[in-house]
Amino acid sequence: MPRKSTVRRLPPELREQIGALLDEGRTLDEITAHLNQLGAAVSRSAIGRYKQHLDKVGEKIRRSREVADALIAKLGAAPESKSTRLNVELMHGALLDLLLKVNEDGETGEGGEGKGVTLEPMGAMLLSKALDHLSRASKADADLVGKIREQAEAAARKAAAETAVTAARKGGLSAESADAIRREILGIK
């Protein structure tokens, strides 16, 4: 396993300063000089590698935002459940990609499948939690869809009952007979 880079071994405050300086458009030499003044012995090439890493991560985030924006635009005013299902499916895909990740050099495992990522106990626990949350989100979504259907069915029964009562009264049925029809449609005893 390769050693942690010298930049990653720095305290989080210094790494944040590096990010801020990069955002300001400072050069690698300026950042290296600034860190050396603070007593952190970091080479220019280490800063360069760290910048490349940040650029890659930034590009992945930018692409995922573009995909999310495109999907949201395509869904438009889609029902809540479709958005929830989409999020669950995207998360499932991301977890699968993580577990079957192909090395950046394109190397794959036996049979062409990607080499699986080795998980430490904390990583396995967090992955399990993510899967649990996905399952809960799917269940909550199914419950929501069920409640919406029940409400729609109740509203449709009520409208049908009122229509039937109105038609029965116009047809000359007594108020008691029309009320009996309404209660039968609504399932009231």
N, C-alpha and C. Protein backbone atom coordinates (compact mmCIF):
# COMPACT_ATOMS: atom_id res chain seq x y z
N MET A 1 0.84 -1.17 0.00
CA MET A 1 0.00 0.00 0.00
C MET A 1 0.89 1.24 0.00
N PRO A 2 0.63 2.19 -0.92
CA PRO A 2 1.47 3.37 -0.98
C PRO A 2 1.30 4.25 0.25
N ARG A 3 2.37 5.02 0.53
CA ARG A 3 2.32 5.94 1.67
C ARG A 3 1.34 7.07 1.37
N LYS A 4 0.83 7.67 2.44
CA LYS A 4 0.01 8.85 2.30
C LYS A 4 0.88 9.98 1.78
N SER A 5 0.33 10.80 0.90
CA SER A 5 1.12 11.91 0.36
C SER A 5 1.47 12.90 1.47
N THR A 6 2.51 13.67 1.23
CA THR A 6 2.91 14.64 2.25
C THR A 6 1.83 15.69 2.47
N VAL A 7 1.07 16.00 1.44
CA VAL A 7 -0.01 16.98 1.59
C VAL A 7 -1.13 16.38 2.44
N ARG A 8 -1.47 15.14 2.22
CA ARG A 8 -2.55 14.50 3.00
C ARG A 8 -2.16 14.30 4.46
N ARG A 9 -0.85 14.29 4.74
CA ARG A 9 -0.41 14.15 6.12
C ARG A 9 -0.45 15.48 6.88
N LEU A 10 -0.68 16.57 6.15
CA LEU A 10 -0.76 17.88 6.79
C LEU A 10 -2.05 18.00 7.59
N PRO A 11 -2.07 18.88 8.57
CA PRO A 11 -3.32 19.11 9.32
C PRO A 11 -4.41 19.64 8.38
N PRO A 12 -5.66 19.37 8.70
CA PRO A 12 -6.77 19.81 7.84
C PRO A 12 -6.77 21.32 7.57
N GLU A 13 -6.33 22.12 8.55
CA GLU A 13 -6.31 23.57 8.37
C GLU A 13 -5.38 23.97 7.23
N LEU A 14 -4.22 23.31 7.16
CA LEU A 14 -3.27 23.62 6.09
C LEU A 14 -3.80 23.15 4.73
N ARG A 15 -4.45 22.00 4.71
CA ARG A 15 -5.03 21.52 3.44
C ARG A 15 -6.13 22.48 2.97
N GLU A 16 -6.90 23.03 3.92
CA GLU A 16 -7.91 24.01 3.56
C GLU A 16 -7.26 25.27 2.99
N GLN A 17 -6.13 25.67 3.58
CA GLN A 17 -5.40 26.83 3.05
C GLN A 17 -4.92 26.56 1.64
N ILE A 18 -4.45 25.34 1.39
CA ILE A 18 -3.99 24.99 0.04
C ILE A 18 -5.16 25.13 -0.93
N GLY A 19 -6.32 24.58 -0.55
CA GLY A 19 -7.50 24.69 -1.42
C GLY A 19 -7.88 26.14 -1.67
N ALA A 20 -7.84 26.96 -0.61
CA ALA A 20 -8.19 28.38 -0.76
C ALA A 20 -7.20 29.08 -1.69
N LEU A 21 -5.91 28.78 -1.51
CA LEU A 21 -4.90 29.40 -2.36
C LEU A 21 -5.05 28.96 -3.82
N LEU A 22 -5.39 27.70 -4.03
CA LEU A 22 -5.62 27.23 -5.40
C LEU A 22 -6.84 27.92 -6.00
N ASP A 23 -7.87 28.11 -5.19
CA ASP A 23 -9.08 28.81 -5.66
C ASP A 23 -8.78 30.26 -6.03
N GLU A 24 -7.83 30.86 -5.30
CA GLU A 24 -7.44 32.25 -5.59
C GLU A 24 -6.60 32.33 -6.86
N GLY A 25 -6.16 31.19 -7.38
CA GLY A 25 -5.35 31.17 -8.59
C GLY A 25 -3.86 31.30 -8.34
N ARG A 26 -3.43 31.03 -7.11
CA ARG A 26 -2.01 31.10 -6.78
C ARG A 26 -1.26 29.97 -7.49
N THR A 27 0.00 30.23 -7.77
CA THR A 27 0.81 29.22 -8.45
C THR A 27 1.30 28.18 -7.45
N LEU A 28 1.78 27.07 -7.98
CA LEU A 28 2.32 26.01 -7.12
C LEU A 28 3.53 26.52 -6.34
N ASP A 29 4.35 27.36 -6.98
CA ASP A 29 5.52 27.90 -6.29
C ASP A 29 5.10 28.79 -5.12
N GLU A 30 4.09 29.62 -5.32
CA GLU A 30 3.61 30.50 -4.25
C GLU A 30 3.06 29.68 -3.08
N ILE A 31 2.31 28.64 -3.40
CA ILE A 31 1.73 27.80 -2.35
C ILE A 31 2.82 27.06 -1.59
N THR A 32 3.80 26.54 -2.32
CA THR A 32 4.92 25.84 -1.69
C THR A 32 5.68 26.78 -0.75
N ALA A 33 5.94 28.00 -1.22
CA ALA A 33 6.65 28.98 -0.39
C ALA A 33 5.84 29.32 0.86
N HIS A 34 4.54 29.49 0.69
CA HIS A 34 3.66 29.80 1.83
C HIS A 34 3.71 28.67 2.87
N LEU A 35 3.63 27.43 2.41
CA LEU A 35 3.65 26.28 3.34
C LEU A 35 5.02 26.15 4.02
N ASN A 36 6.08 26.41 3.27
CA ASN A 36 7.42 26.35 3.87
C ASN A 36 7.59 27.42 4.95
N GLN A 37 6.98 28.60 4.74
CA GLN A 37 7.02 29.65 5.76
C GLN A 37 6.31 29.22 7.03
N LEU A 38 5.27 28.40 6.86
CA LEU A 38 4.51 27.91 8.01
C LEU A 38 5.17 26.70 8.66
N GLY A 39 6.29 26.25 8.10
CA GLY A 39 7.02 25.14 8.69
C GLY A 39 6.62 23.77 8.15
N ALA A 40 5.82 23.73 7.11
CA ALA A 40 5.42 22.45 6.50
C ALA A 40 6.34 22.17 5.33
N ALA A 41 7.08 21.07 5.41
CA ALA A 41 8.02 20.70 4.35
C ALA A 41 7.27 19.90 3.28
N VAL A 42 6.80 20.64 2.27
CA VAL A 42 6.05 20.00 1.19
C VAL A 42 6.68 20.43 -0.13
N SER A 43 6.88 19.46 -1.01
CA SER A 43 7.50 19.78 -2.30
C SER A 43 6.48 20.33 -3.29
N ARG A 44 7.01 21.01 -4.29
CA ARG A 44 6.15 21.56 -5.35
C ARG A 44 5.41 20.44 -6.07
N SER A 45 6.09 19.34 -6.31
CA SER A 45 5.45 18.22 -7.02
C SER A 45 4.32 17.61 -6.19
N ALA A 46 4.47 17.57 -4.86
CA ALA A 46 3.40 17.05 -4.01
C ALA A 46 2.17 17.94 -4.10
N ILE A 47 2.41 19.26 -4.12
CA ILE A 47 1.29 20.21 -4.28
C ILE A 47 0.65 19.99 -5.65
N GLY A 48 1.47 19.78 -6.67
CA GLY A 48 0.95 19.55 -8.03
C GLY A 48 0.08 18.30 -8.09
N ARG A 49 0.55 17.21 -7.46
CA ARG A 49 -0.24 15.98 -7.45
C ARG A 49 -1.55 16.19 -6.69
N TYR A 50 -1.48 16.92 -5.59
CA TYR A 50 -2.69 17.21 -4.80
C TYR A 50 -3.67 18.03 -5.63
N LYS A 51 -3.16 19.00 -6.38
CA LYS A 51 -4.02 19.82 -7.24
C LYS A 51 -4.68 18.96 -8.32
N GLN A 52 -3.91 18.05 -8.90
CA GLN A 52 -4.47 17.15 -9.92
C GLN A 52 -5.59 16.30 -9.31
N HIS A 53 -5.36 15.81 -8.10
CA HIS A 53 -6.38 15.02 -7.42
C HIS A 53 -7.64 15.86 -7.20
N LEU A 54 -7.48 17.09 -6.71
CA LEU A 54 -8.62 17.97 -6.49
C LEU A 54 -9.35 18.27 -7.80
N ASP A 55 -8.57 18.44 -8.87
CA ASP A 55 -9.19 18.70 -10.18
C ASP A 55 -10.03 17.51 -10.64
N LYS A 56 -9.50 16.28 -10.42
CA LYS A 56 -10.25 15.08 -10.80
C LYS A 56 -11.54 14.96 -10.01
N VAL A 57 -11.44 15.18 -8.69
CA VAL A 57 -12.62 15.11 -7.84
C VAL A 57 -13.63 16.18 -8.25
N GLY A 58 -13.13 17.39 -8.50
CA GLY A 58 -14.00 18.48 -8.94
C GLY A 58 -14.70 18.16 -10.24
N GLU A 59 -13.99 17.53 -11.16
CA GLU A 59 -14.58 17.15 -12.45
C GLU A 59 -15.67 16.09 -12.26
N LYS A 60 -15.42 15.11 -11.39
CA LYS A 60 -16.44 14.09 -11.11
C LYS A 60 -17.69 14.71 -10.51
N ILE A 61 -17.49 15.64 -9.56
CA ILE A 61 -18.64 16.30 -8.94
C ILE A 61 -19.40 17.13 -9.98
N ARG A 62 -18.66 17.84 -10.84
CA ARG A 62 -19.30 18.65 -11.87
C ARG A 62 -20.14 17.77 -12.80
N ARG A 63 -19.55 16.63 -13.23
CA ARG A 63 -20.29 15.72 -14.11
C ARG A 63 -21.52 15.15 -13.44
N SER A 64 -21.39 14.77 -12.15
CA SER A 64 -22.55 14.19 -11.46
C SER A 64 -23.64 15.24 -11.29
N ARG A 65 -23.26 16.50 -11.07
CA ARG A 65 -24.27 17.56 -10.98
C ARG A 65 -24.96 17.77 -12.31
N GLU A 66 -24.19 17.72 -13.41
CA GLU A 66 -24.79 17.86 -14.74
C GLU A 66 -25.78 16.74 -15.01
N VAL A 67 -25.40 15.52 -14.65
CA VAL A 67 -26.30 14.38 -14.85
C VAL A 67 -27.56 14.56 -14.00
N ALA A 68 -27.38 14.96 -12.74
CA ALA A 68 -28.53 15.16 -11.86
C ALA A 68 -29.44 16.26 -12.41
N ASP A 69 -28.85 17.37 -12.88
CA ASP A 69 -29.65 18.46 -13.44
C ASP A 69 -30.41 17.99 -14.68
N ALA A 70 -29.74 17.21 -15.53
CA ALA A 70 -30.40 16.70 -16.73
C ALA A 70 -31.55 15.77 -16.37
N LEU A 71 -31.34 14.90 -15.39
CA LEU A 71 -32.40 13.98 -14.98
C LEU A 71 -33.57 14.73 -14.35
N ILE A 72 -33.27 15.73 -13.54
CA ILE A 72 -34.34 16.51 -12.92
C ILE A 72 -35.11 17.26 -14.00
N ALA A 73 -34.40 17.83 -14.98
CA ALA A 73 -35.07 18.53 -16.07
C ALA A 73 -35.96 17.57 -16.86
N LYS A 74 -35.48 16.35 -17.05
CA LYS A 74 -36.26 15.37 -17.79
C LYS A 74 -37.49 14.93 -17.01
N LEU A 75 -37.32 14.78 -15.69
CA LEU A 75 -38.46 14.40 -14.85
C LEU A 75 -39.46 15.53 -14.72
N GLY A 76 -38.95 16.77 -14.74
CA GLY A 76 -39.83 17.92 -14.61
C GLY A 76 -40.58 17.87 -13.30
N ALA A 77 -41.88 18.01 -13.40
CA ALA A 77 -42.73 18.00 -12.20
C ALA A 77 -43.21 16.58 -11.93
N ALA A 78 -42.32 15.65 -12.00
CA ALA A 78 -42.67 14.25 -11.77
C ALA A 78 -43.08 14.04 -10.33
N PRO A 79 -43.88 13.03 -10.09
CA PRO A 79 -44.28 12.77 -8.71
C PRO A 79 -43.07 12.49 -7.83
N GLU A 80 -43.25 12.77 -6.55
CA GLU A 80 -42.19 12.58 -5.54
C GLU A 80 -41.61 11.18 -5.60
N SER A 81 -42.47 10.19 -5.81
CA SER A 81 -42.00 8.81 -5.77
C SER A 81 -41.02 8.51 -6.89
N LYS A 82 -41.20 9.12 -8.06
CA LYS A 82 -40.25 8.88 -9.15
C LYS A 82 -38.89 9.46 -8.81
N SER A 83 -38.88 10.63 -8.20
CA SER A 83 -37.61 11.23 -7.79
C SER A 83 -36.92 10.36 -6.74
N THR A 84 -37.70 9.87 -5.79
CA THR A 84 -37.12 9.01 -4.75
C THR A 84 -36.56 7.74 -5.37
N ARG A 85 -37.32 7.12 -6.26
CA ARG A 85 -36.83 5.90 -6.91
C ARG A 85 -35.56 6.17 -7.70
N LEU A 86 -35.52 7.33 -8.39
CA LEU A 86 -34.33 7.69 -9.15
C LEU A 86 -33.13 7.81 -8.22
N ASN A 87 -33.31 8.49 -7.08
CA ASN A 87 -32.21 8.65 -6.13
C ASN A 87 -31.74 7.30 -5.60
N VAL A 88 -32.67 6.41 -5.30
CA VAL A 88 -32.31 5.09 -4.80
C VAL A 88 -31.53 4.33 -5.87
N GLU A 89 -32.00 4.39 -7.12
CA GLU A 89 -31.30 3.69 -8.20
C GLU A 89 -29.90 4.27 -8.43
N LEU A 90 -29.78 5.60 -8.37
CA LEU A 90 -28.46 6.22 -8.54
C LEU A 90 -27.51 5.78 -7.43
N MET A 91 -28.02 5.71 -6.20
CA MET A 91 -27.17 5.30 -5.08
C MET A 91 -26.77 3.83 -5.22
N HIS A 92 -27.72 2.98 -5.64
CA HIS A 92 -27.37 1.58 -5.88
C HIS A 92 -26.26 1.49 -6.92
N GLY A 93 -26.38 2.26 -7.99
CA GLY A 93 -25.36 2.25 -9.03
C GLY A 93 -24.01 2.71 -8.52
N ALA A 94 -24.02 3.76 -7.70
CA ALA A 94 -22.76 4.26 -7.14
C ALA A 94 -22.11 3.23 -6.24
N LEU A 95 -22.91 2.55 -5.42
CA LEU A 95 -22.35 1.52 -4.54
C LEU A 95 -21.80 0.35 -5.34
N LEU A 96 -22.51 -0.03 -6.40
CA LEU A 96 -22.02 -1.11 -7.25
C LEU A 96 -20.71 -0.71 -7.91
N ASP A 97 -20.64 0.54 -8.40
CA ASP A 97 -19.39 1.01 -9.00
C ASP A 97 -18.26 0.97 -7.98
N LEU A 98 -18.56 1.34 -6.75
CA LEU A 98 -17.53 1.32 -5.70
C LEU A 98 -17.02 -0.10 -5.48
N LEU A 99 -17.93 -1.05 -5.39
CA LEU A 99 -17.52 -2.43 -5.11
C LEU A 99 -16.82 -3.10 -6.28
N LEU A 100 -17.16 -2.69 -7.49
CA LEU A 100 -16.56 -3.32 -8.67
C LEU A 100 -15.61 -2.36 -9.38
N LYS A 101 -15.07 -1.43 -8.65
CA LYS A 101 -14.23 -0.38 -9.22
C LYS A 101 -13.05 -0.95 -9.99
N VAL A 102 -12.90 -0.45 -11.19
CA VAL A 102 -11.74 -0.82 -12.00
C VAL A 102 -10.63 0.17 -11.66
N ASN A 103 -9.41 -0.35 -11.50
CA ASN A 103 -8.28 0.54 -11.20
C ASN A 103 -8.16 1.59 -12.30
N GLU A 104 -7.59 2.73 -11.95
CA GLU A 104 -7.50 3.82 -12.91
C GLU A 104 -6.66 3.46 -14.12
N ASP A 105 -5.75 2.50 -14.01
CA ASP A 105 -4.95 2.10 -15.15
C ASP A 105 -5.68 1.08 -16.03
N GLY A 106 -6.96 0.78 -15.70
CA GLY A 106 -7.76 -0.12 -16.50
C GLY A 106 -7.59 -1.57 -16.15
N GLU A 107 -6.76 -1.90 -15.16
CA GLU A 107 -6.53 -3.29 -14.77
C GLU A 107 -7.80 -3.87 -14.17
N THR A 108 -8.13 -5.09 -14.58
CA THR A 108 -9.31 -5.74 -14.05
C THR A 108 -8.94 -7.06 -13.42
N GLY A 109 -9.89 -7.62 -12.70
CA GLY A 109 -9.66 -8.91 -12.06
C GLY A 109 -9.88 -10.05 -13.02
N GLU A 110 -9.97 -11.26 -12.49
CA GLU A 110 -10.18 -12.45 -13.31
C GLU A 110 -11.54 -12.37 -13.98
N GLY A 111 -11.61 -12.84 -15.23
CA GLY A 111 -12.87 -12.89 -15.94
C GLY A 111 -13.32 -11.52 -16.44
N GLY A 112 -12.47 -10.47 -16.34
CA GLY A 112 -12.80 -9.17 -16.88
C GLY A 112 -13.54 -8.25 -15.91
N GLU A 113 -14.01 -8.77 -14.80
CA GLU A 113 -14.72 -7.90 -13.87
C GLU A 113 -13.71 -7.05 -13.11
N GLY A 114 -14.19 -5.93 -12.57
CA GLY A 114 -13.31 -5.03 -11.85
C GLY A 114 -12.83 -5.64 -10.55
N LYS A 115 -11.66 -5.20 -10.12
CA LYS A 115 -11.16 -5.64 -8.82
C LYS A 115 -12.01 -4.99 -7.74
N GLY A 116 -12.46 -5.74 -6.82
CA GLY A 116 -13.27 -5.19 -5.75
C GLY A 116 -12.45 -4.31 -4.83
N VAL A 117 -13.09 -3.31 -4.28
CA VAL A 117 -12.44 -2.41 -3.34
C VAL A 117 -12.35 -3.12 -2.00
N THR A 118 -11.20 -3.04 -1.36
CA THR A 118 -11.04 -3.63 -0.04
C THR A 118 -11.61 -2.67 0.99
N LEU A 119 -12.51 -3.15 1.82
CA LEU A 119 -13.14 -2.31 2.81
C LEU A 119 -12.59 -2.60 4.19
N GLU A 120 -12.29 -1.56 4.92
CA GLU A 120 -11.92 -1.71 6.32
C GLU A 120 -13.21 -1.85 7.10
N PRO A 121 -13.16 -2.27 8.35
CA PRO A 121 -14.40 -2.45 9.12
C PRO A 121 -15.29 -1.22 9.13
N MET A 122 -14.72 -0.03 9.29
CA MET A 122 -15.53 1.19 9.29
C MET A 122 -16.20 1.39 7.94
N GLY A 123 -15.47 1.15 6.87
CA GLY A 123 -16.04 1.28 5.52
C GLY A 123 -17.17 0.29 5.30
N ALA A 124 -16.99 -0.94 5.77
CA ALA A 124 -18.05 -1.95 5.62
C ALA A 124 -19.28 -1.54 6.41
N MET A 125 -19.07 -0.99 7.61
CA MET A 125 -20.21 -0.54 8.42
C MET A 125 -20.94 0.60 7.71
N LEU A 126 -20.19 1.55 7.17
CA LEU A 126 -20.82 2.69 6.49
C LEU A 126 -21.56 2.23 5.23
N LEU A 127 -20.99 1.27 4.52
CA LEU A 127 -21.66 0.72 3.34
C LEU A 127 -22.95 0.02 3.75
N SER A 128 -22.91 -0.73 4.84
CA SER A 128 -24.10 -1.39 5.34
C SER A 128 -25.17 -0.37 5.72
N LYS A 129 -24.73 0.71 6.36
CA LYS A 129 -25.68 1.77 6.72
C LYS A 129 -26.31 2.39 5.48
N ALA A 130 -25.49 2.62 4.47
CA ALA A 130 -26.01 3.20 3.22
C ALA A 130 -27.06 2.28 2.60
N LEU A 131 -26.78 0.98 2.58
CA LEU A 131 -27.75 0.03 2.03
C LEU A 131 -29.02 0.00 2.87
N ASP A 132 -28.86 0.09 4.20
CA ASP A 132 -30.03 0.14 5.08
C ASP A 132 -30.87 1.38 4.80
N HIS A 133 -30.20 2.51 4.63
CA HIS A 133 -30.93 3.75 4.35
C HIS A 133 -31.64 3.66 3.00
N LEU A 134 -31.00 3.01 2.02
CA LEU A 134 -31.65 2.82 0.72
C LEU A 134 -32.91 1.97 0.87
N SER A 135 -32.81 0.91 1.65
CA SER A 135 -33.97 0.04 1.87
C SER A 135 -35.09 0.81 2.56
N ARG A 136 -34.73 1.61 3.55
CA ARG A 136 -35.75 2.41 4.25
C ARG A 136 -36.38 3.43 3.32
N ALA A 137 -35.56 4.04 2.47
CA ALA A 137 -36.09 5.02 1.52
C ALA A 137 -37.06 4.35 0.55
N SER A 138 -36.72 3.15 0.10
CA SER A 138 -37.62 2.41 -0.80
C SER A 138 -38.93 2.08 -0.10
N LYS A 139 -38.85 1.66 1.16
CA LYS A 139 -40.06 1.33 1.92
C LYS A 139 -40.90 2.57 2.15
N ALA A 140 -40.25 3.66 2.53
CA ALA A 140 -40.98 4.91 2.76
C ALA A 140 -41.67 5.37 1.47
N ASP A 141 -40.97 5.20 0.35
CA ASP A 141 -41.55 5.56 -0.94
C ASP A 141 -42.77 4.70 -1.25
N ALA A 142 -42.65 3.39 -1.01
CA ALA A 142 -43.78 2.49 -1.25
C ALA A 142 -44.96 2.84 -0.34
N ASP A 143 -44.67 3.17 0.92
CA ASP A 143 -45.74 3.57 1.85
C ASP A 143 -46.42 4.85 1.37
N LEU A 144 -45.64 5.81 0.90
CA LEU A 144 -46.20 7.06 0.40
C LEU A 144 -47.10 6.81 -0.81
N VAL A 145 -46.63 5.99 -1.73
CA VAL A 145 -47.43 5.67 -2.92
C VAL A 145 -48.73 4.98 -2.49
N GLY A 146 -48.66 4.07 -1.51
CA GLY A 146 -49.86 3.39 -1.02
C GLY A 146 -50.85 4.37 -0.41
N LYS A 147 -50.37 5.30 0.40
CA LYS A 147 -51.26 6.30 1.01
C LYS A 147 -51.91 7.18 -0.05
N ILE A 148 -51.13 7.58 -1.04
CA ILE A 148 -51.68 8.42 -2.11
C ILE A 148 -52.77 7.66 -2.86
N ARG A 149 -52.53 6.38 -3.14
CA ARG A 149 -53.54 5.57 -3.83
C ARG A 149 -54.82 5.45 -2.99
N GLU A 150 -54.65 5.20 -1.68
CA GLU A 150 -55.81 5.10 -0.80
C GLU A 150 -56.62 6.39 -0.81
N GLN A 151 -55.92 7.53 -0.74
CA GLN A 151 -56.61 8.82 -0.75
C GLN A 151 -57.32 9.03 -2.08
N ALA A 152 -56.68 8.67 -3.17
CA ALA A 152 -57.30 8.83 -4.49
C ALA A 152 -58.52 7.93 -4.63
N GLU A 153 -58.42 6.70 -4.14
CA GLU A 153 -59.56 5.78 -4.19
C GLU A 153 -60.72 6.30 -3.35
N ALA A 154 -60.43 6.82 -2.17
CA ALA A 154 -61.48 7.36 -1.30
C ALA A 154 -62.16 8.55 -1.97
N ALA A 155 -61.38 9.42 -2.58
CA ALA A 155 -61.96 10.58 -3.26
C ALA A 155 -62.82 10.13 -4.45
N ALA A 156 -62.33 9.12 -5.17
CA ALA A 156 -63.11 8.62 -6.32
C ALA A 156 -64.41 7.97 -5.86
N ARG A 157 -64.36 7.20 -4.75
CA ARG A 157 -65.60 6.59 -4.21
C ARG A 157 -66.59 7.66 -3.78
N LYS A 158 -66.10 8.71 -3.13
CA LYS A 158 -66.98 9.78 -2.66
C LYS A 158 -67.62 10.48 -3.85
N ALA A 159 -66.83 10.79 -4.89
CA ALA A 159 -67.39 11.43 -6.08
C ALA A 159 -68.40 10.52 -6.76
N ALA A 160 -68.12 9.22 -6.84
CA ALA A 160 -69.05 8.27 -7.46
C ALA A 160 -70.34 8.19 -6.65
N ALA A 161 -70.20 8.21 -5.33
CA ALA A 161 -71.39 8.14 -4.48
C ALA A 161 -72.27 9.36 -4.66
N GLU A 162 -71.66 10.53 -4.71
CA GLU A 162 -72.43 11.77 -4.89
C GLU A 162 -73.10 11.79 -6.26
N THR A 163 -72.40 11.32 -7.28
CA THR A 163 -72.98 11.26 -8.62
C THR A 163 -74.15 10.28 -8.64
N ALA A 164 -73.99 9.14 -8.00
CA ALA A 164 -75.07 8.14 -7.96
C ALA A 164 -76.29 8.67 -7.21
N VAL A 165 -76.07 9.35 -6.09
CA VAL A 165 -77.18 9.90 -5.29
C VAL A 165 -77.93 10.96 -6.11
N THR A 166 -77.18 11.83 -6.78
CA THR A 166 -77.80 12.87 -7.59
C THR A 166 -78.63 12.25 -8.71
N ALA A 167 -78.07 11.25 -9.38
CA ALA A 167 -78.80 10.57 -10.47
C ALA A 167 -80.01 9.84 -9.93
N ALA A 168 -79.91 9.21 -8.78
CA ALA A 168 -81.04 8.47 -8.19
C ALA A 168 -82.17 9.41 -7.83
N ARG A 169 -81.84 10.57 -7.26
CA ARG A 169 -82.88 11.53 -6.89
C ARG A 169 -83.56 12.10 -8.12
N LYS A 170 -82.78 12.35 -9.18
CA LYS A 170 -83.38 12.84 -10.42
C LYS A 170 -84.30 11.79 -11.02
N GLY A 171 -83.96 10.53 -10.80
CA GLY A 171 -84.77 9.42 -11.33
C GLY A 171 -86.00 9.14 -10.49
N GLY A 172 -86.19 9.86 -9.40
CA GLY A 172 -87.38 9.70 -8.58
C GLY A 172 -87.22 8.78 -7.40
N LEU A 173 -86.01 8.35 -7.06
CA LEU A 173 -85.81 7.48 -5.90
C LEU A 173 -85.99 8.29 -4.62
N SER A 174 -86.42 7.65 -3.60
CA SER A 174 -86.62 8.33 -2.31
C SER A 174 -85.27 8.70 -1.71
N ALA A 175 -85.30 9.63 -0.75
CA ALA A 175 -84.08 10.08 -0.08
C ALA A 175 -83.42 8.92 0.65
N GLU A 176 -84.25 8.04 1.26
CA GLU A 176 -83.69 6.90 1.99
C GLU A 176 -83.00 5.92 1.04
N SER A 177 -83.57 5.68 -0.13
CA SER A 177 -82.96 4.76 -1.11
C SER A 177 -81.67 5.34 -1.66
N ALA A 178 -81.68 6.65 -1.94
CA ALA A 178 -80.47 7.30 -2.45
C ALA A 178 -79.36 7.26 -1.40
N ASP A 179 -79.75 7.48 -0.13
CA ASP A 179 -78.76 7.44 0.96
C ASP A 179 -78.20 6.02 1.11
N ALA A 180 -79.05 5.01 0.92
CA ALA A 180 -78.58 3.62 1.01
C ALA A 180 -77.57 3.32 -0.10
N ILE A 181 -77.83 3.85 -1.29
CA ILE A 181 -76.89 3.67 -2.40
C ILE A 181 -75.56 4.34 -2.08
N ARG A 182 -75.64 5.57 -1.57
CA ARG A 182 -74.42 6.30 -1.22
C ARG A 182 -73.61 5.54 -0.17
N ARG A 183 -74.26 5.02 0.88
CA ARG A 183 -73.56 4.27 1.93
C ARG A 183 -72.96 2.98 1.38
N GLU A 184 -73.64 2.34 0.46
CA GLU A 184 -73.13 1.09 -0.15
C GLU A 184 -71.86 1.38 -0.96
N ILE A 185 -71.88 2.45 -1.73
CA ILE A 185 -70.71 2.80 -2.54
C ILE A 185 -69.53 3.18 -1.64
N LEU A 186 -69.81 3.92 -0.57
CA LEU A 186 -68.75 4.35 0.34
C LEU A 186 -68.32 3.24 1.31
N GLY A 187 -69.11 2.16 1.37
CA GLY A 187 -68.76 1.05 2.26
C GLY A 187 -69.14 1.34 3.70
N ILE A 188 -70.13 2.22 3.89
CA ILE A 188 -70.60 2.56 5.24
C ILE A 188 -71.77 1.67 5.56
N LYS A 189 -71.81 1.10 6.77
CA LYS A 189 -72.93 0.24 7.15
C LYS A 189 -73.94 0.99 7.93
